[in-house]
Amino acid sequence: MQKEPDMNGFDPTFLESMASIAPDRVARFIELTRKDAVDYMQKIEEAIASQDAETIEESAHSLKSVSGQVGALRFSDMAKELEIMGRENKIEGAKEKLEELKKEYTNIEVILTTMY
C-alpha cells in the first residue's frame, strides 16, 4: 500500500494553469523536469564527493529553479540551502542535505504521478 504524499510544500497552481491551457504539454513538461532533477541531483552528489563547491552551487541553483516551476516549493527551498552551502564553500553536511532532498524528491514523484 502506497503512502499518501505529503502535499505541504507543493503548489499545483502552475501545473493546473498549464493543464487548462495546454493539457497535452503537461506530461512532457513533467517528464523533462523529472529528468533534469535527477541529473542535477547526480551532479550534486558527484560534486560533494569531489569537494567541488562551485558545481554544488550551480547545480543546486538549477535544481531550485526547475523544482520551483512544478510547484515543489519545499524541494526548491532545500535545493536553495545546498546552493548557499556551495556558495559559502561549506561542503560539510551537504551529503546529509542531499539525502533529505532525495527523500523529498520521492514525495514529489508520488504527487506528480498521482495528480498527472
C-alpha atoms as a PDB file:
ATOM      1  CA  MET A   1       0.000   0.000   0.000  1.00  0.00           C
ATOM      2  CA  GLN A   2       1.469   3.313  -1.099  1.00  0.00           C
ATOM      3  CA  LYS A   3       1.772   6.062   1.474  1.00  0.00           C
ATOM      4  CA  GLU A   4      -0.197   9.249   0.781  1.00  0.00           C
ATOM      5  CA  PRO A   5       2.072  12.036  -0.437  1.00  0.00           C
ATOM      6  CA  ASP A   6       2.746  14.990   1.823  1.00  0.00           C
ATOM      7  CA  MET A   7       1.179  17.915  -0.051  1.00  0.00           C
ATOM      8  CA  ASN A   8       2.679  20.516   2.300  1.00  0.00           C
ATOM      9  CA  GLY A   9       5.281  22.399   0.336  1.00  0.00           C
ATOM     10  CA  PHE A  10       3.658  21.681  -3.017  1.00  0.00           C
ATOM     11  CA  ASP A  11       1.709  24.260  -5.009  1.00  0.00           C
ATOM     12  CA  PRO A  12      -0.070  22.854  -8.071  1.00  0.00           C
ATOM     13  CA  THR A  13      -1.132  26.295  -9.377  1.00  0.00           C
ATOM     14  CA  PHE A  14       1.273  26.479 -12.314  1.00  0.00           C
ATOM     15  CA  LEU A  15       0.673  22.901 -13.469  1.00  0.00           C
ATOM     16  CA  GLU A  16      -3.082  23.322 -13.157  1.00  0.00           C
ATOM     17  CA  SER A  17      -2.885  26.510 -15.198  1.00  0.00           C
ATOM     18  CA  MET A  18      -0.782  24.779 -17.821  1.00  0.00           C
ATOM     19  CA  ALA A  19      -3.219  21.856 -17.896  1.00  0.00           C
ATOM     20  CA  SER A  20      -6.110  24.211 -18.566  1.00  0.00           C
ATOM     21  CA  ILE A  21      -4.292  25.905 -21.455  1.00  0.00           C
ATOM     22  CA  ALA A  22      -2.190  23.117 -22.975  1.00  0.00           C
ATOM     23  CA  PRO A  23      -3.065  19.781 -21.371  1.00  0.00           C
ATOM     24  CA  ASP A  24      -1.048  17.886 -23.951  1.00  0.00           C
ATOM     25  CA  ARG A  25       2.144  19.614 -22.782  1.00  0.00           C
ATOM     26  CA  VAL A  26       1.874  18.943 -19.047  1.00  0.00           C
ATOM     27  CA  ALA A  27       3.088  15.344 -19.188  1.00  0.00           C
ATOM     28  CA  ARG A  28       6.077  16.285 -21.341  1.00  0.00           C
ATOM     29  CA  PHE A  29       6.925  19.228 -19.081  1.00  0.00           C
ATOM     30  CA  ILE A  30       6.824  16.986 -16.001  1.00  0.00           C
ATOM     31  CA  GLU A  31       8.913  14.341 -17.754  1.00  0.00           C
ATOM     32  CA  LEU A  32      11.613  16.888 -18.637  1.00  0.00           C
ATOM     33  CA  THR A  33      11.528  18.328 -15.133  1.00  0.00           C
ATOM     34  CA  ARG A  34      11.989  14.876 -13.603  1.00  0.00           C
ATOM     35  CA  LYS A  35      14.934  14.151 -15.886  1.00  0.00           C
ATOM     36  CA  ASP A  36      16.541  17.490 -15.072  1.00  0.00           C
ATOM     37  CA  ALA A  37      16.020  16.993 -11.341  1.00  0.00           C
ATOM     38  CA  VAL A  38      17.645  13.560 -11.385  1.00  0.00           C
ATOM     39  CA  ASP A  39      20.548  14.885 -13.472  1.00  0.00           C
ATOM     40  CA  TYR A  40      21.138  17.833 -11.129  1.00  0.00           C
ATOM     41  CA  MET A  41      20.961  15.644  -8.024  1.00  0.00           C
ATOM     42  CA  GLN A  42      23.538  13.314  -9.603  1.00  0.00           C
ATOM     43  CA  LYS A  43      25.818  16.283 -10.370  1.00  0.00           C
ATOM     44  CA  ILE A  44      25.475  17.486  -6.781  1.00  0.00           C
ATOM     45  CA  GLU A  45      26.303  14.035  -5.452  1.00  0.00           C
ATOM     46  CA  GLU A  46      29.422  13.858  -7.629  1.00  0.00           C
ATOM     47  CA  ALA A  47      30.401  17.409  -6.651  1.00  0.00           C
ATOM     48  CA  ILE A  48      30.087  16.572  -2.958  1.00  0.00           C
ATOM     49  CA  ALA A  49      32.304  13.530  -3.425  1.00  0.00           C
ATOM     50  CA  SER A  50      34.946  15.623  -5.214  1.00  0.00           C
ATOM     51  CA  GLN A  51      34.578  18.600  -2.823  1.00  0.00           C
ATOM     52  CA  ASP A  52      33.560  20.866  -5.741  1.00  0.00           C
ATOM     53  CA  ALA A  53      31.633  23.695  -4.071  1.00  0.00           C
ATOM     54  CA  GLU A  54      31.155  25.637  -7.307  1.00  0.00           C
ATOM     55  CA  THR A  55      29.358  22.740  -9.013  1.00  0.00           C
ATOM     56  CA  ILE A  56      27.244  22.180  -5.904  1.00  0.00           C
ATOM     57  CA  GLU A  57      26.183  25.816  -6.038  1.00  0.00           C
ATOM     58  CA  GLU A  58      25.473  25.843  -9.781  1.00  0.00           C
ATOM     59  CA  SER A  59      23.622  22.512  -9.884  1.00  0.00           C
ATOM     60  CA  ALA A  60      21.608  23.293  -6.758  1.00  0.00           C
ATOM     61  CA  HIS A  61      20.670  26.681  -8.233  1.00  0.00           C
ATOM     62  CA  SER A  62      19.385  24.986 -11.397  1.00  0.00           C
ATOM     63  CA  LEU A  63      17.585  22.345  -9.343  1.00  0.00           C
ATOM     64  CA  LYS A  64      15.955  25.073  -7.257  1.00  0.00           C
ATOM     65  CA  SER A  65      14.624  26.745 -10.391  1.00  0.00           C
ATOM     66  CA  VAL A  66      13.416  23.564 -12.078  1.00  0.00           C
ATOM     67  CA  SER A  67      11.609  22.323  -8.980  1.00  0.00           C
ATOM     68  CA  GLY A  68      10.004  25.687  -8.333  1.00  0.00           C
ATOM     69  CA  GLN A  69       8.459  25.600 -11.802  1.00  0.00           C
ATOM     70  CA  VAL A  70       6.416  22.496 -10.980  1.00  0.00           C
ATOM     71  CA  GLY A  71       5.355  23.850  -7.594  1.00  0.00           C
ATOM     72  CA  ALA A  72       7.730  21.766  -5.473  1.00  0.00           C
ATOM     73  CA  LEU A  73       8.325  24.635  -3.076  1.00  0.00           C
ATOM     74  CA  ARG A  74       9.773  22.706  -0.130  1.00  0.00           C
ATOM     75  CA  PHE A  75      12.077  20.818  -2.516  1.00  0.00           C
ATOM     76  CA  SER A  76      13.112  24.133  -4.079  1.00  0.00           C
ATOM     77  CA  ASP A  77      13.872  25.585  -0.635  1.00  0.00           C
ATOM     78  CA  MET A  78      16.005  22.551   0.185  1.00  0.00           C
ATOM     79  CA  ALA A  79      17.915  22.971  -3.081  1.00  0.00           C
ATOM     80  CA  LYS A  80      18.452  26.624  -2.147  1.00  0.00           C
ATOM     81  CA  GLU A  81      20.067  25.525   1.110  1.00  0.00           C
ATOM     82  CA  LEU A  82      22.507  23.380  -0.879  1.00  0.00           C
ATOM     83  CA  GLU A  83      23.124  26.282  -3.254  1.00  0.00           C
ATOM     84  CA  ILE A  84      24.067  28.507  -0.321  1.00  0.00           C
ATOM     85  CA  MET A  85      26.302  25.806   1.130  1.00  0.00           C
ATOM     86  CA  GLY A  86      28.139  25.605  -2.183  1.00  0.00           C
ATOM     87  CA  ARG A  87      28.418  29.395  -2.494  1.00  0.00           C
ATOM     88  CA  GLU A  88      29.857  29.588   1.013  1.00  0.00           C
ATOM     89  CA  ASN A  89      32.159  26.619   0.343  1.00  0.00           C
ATOM     90  CA  LYS A  90      30.554  24.709   3.235  1.00  0.00           C
ATOM     91  CA  ILE A  91      30.573  21.143   1.973  1.00  0.00           C
ATOM     92  CA  GLU A  92      30.339  19.595   5.433  1.00  0.00           C
ATOM     93  CA  GLY A  93      26.741  18.478   5.872  1.00  0.00           C
ATOM     94  CA  ALA A  94      25.973  18.688   2.144  1.00  0.00           C
ATOM     95  CA  LYS A  95      25.743  14.910   1.788  1.00  0.00           C
ATOM     96  CA  GLU A  96      23.106  14.747   4.529  1.00  0.00           C
ATOM     97  CA  LYS A  97      21.223  17.676   2.999  1.00  0.00           C
ATOM     98  CA  LEU A  98      21.246  15.881  -0.360  1.00  0.00           C
ATOM     99  CA  GLU A  99      19.799  12.754   1.272  1.00  0.00           C
ATOM    100  CA  GLU A 100      16.958  14.863   2.696  1.00  0.00           C
ATOM    101  CA  LEU A 101      16.433  16.350  -0.757  1.00  0.00           C
ATOM    102  CA  LYS A 102      16.242  12.872  -2.302  1.00  0.00           C
ATOM    103  CA  LYS A 103      13.577  11.859   0.218  1.00  0.00           C
ATOM    104  CA  GLU A 104      11.548  14.931  -0.661  1.00  0.00           C
ATOM    105  CA  TYR A 105      12.029  14.133  -4.355  1.00  0.00           C
ATOM    106  CA  THR A 106      10.414  10.741  -3.744  1.00  0.00           C
ATOM    107  CA  ASN A 107       7.428  12.568  -2.257  1.00  0.00           C
ATOM    108  CA  ILE A 108       7.252  14.914  -5.264  1.00  0.00           C
ATOM    109  CA  GLU A 109       7.375  11.924  -7.604  1.00  0.00           C
ATOM    110  CA  VAL A 110       4.333  10.447  -5.848  1.00  0.00           C
ATOM    111  CA  ILE A 111       2.485  13.763  -6.054  1.00  0.00           C
ATOM    112  CA  LEU A 112       3.197  14.231  -9.747  1.00  0.00           C
ATOM    113  CA  THR A 113       2.328  10.626 -10.555  1.00  0.00           C
ATOM    114  CA  THR A 114      -0.911  10.867  -8.591  1.00  0.00           C
ATOM    115  CA  MET A 115      -2.011  14.225  -9.988  1.00  0.00           C
ATOM    116  CA  TYR A 116      -0.827  13.974 -13.578  1.00  0.00           C
END
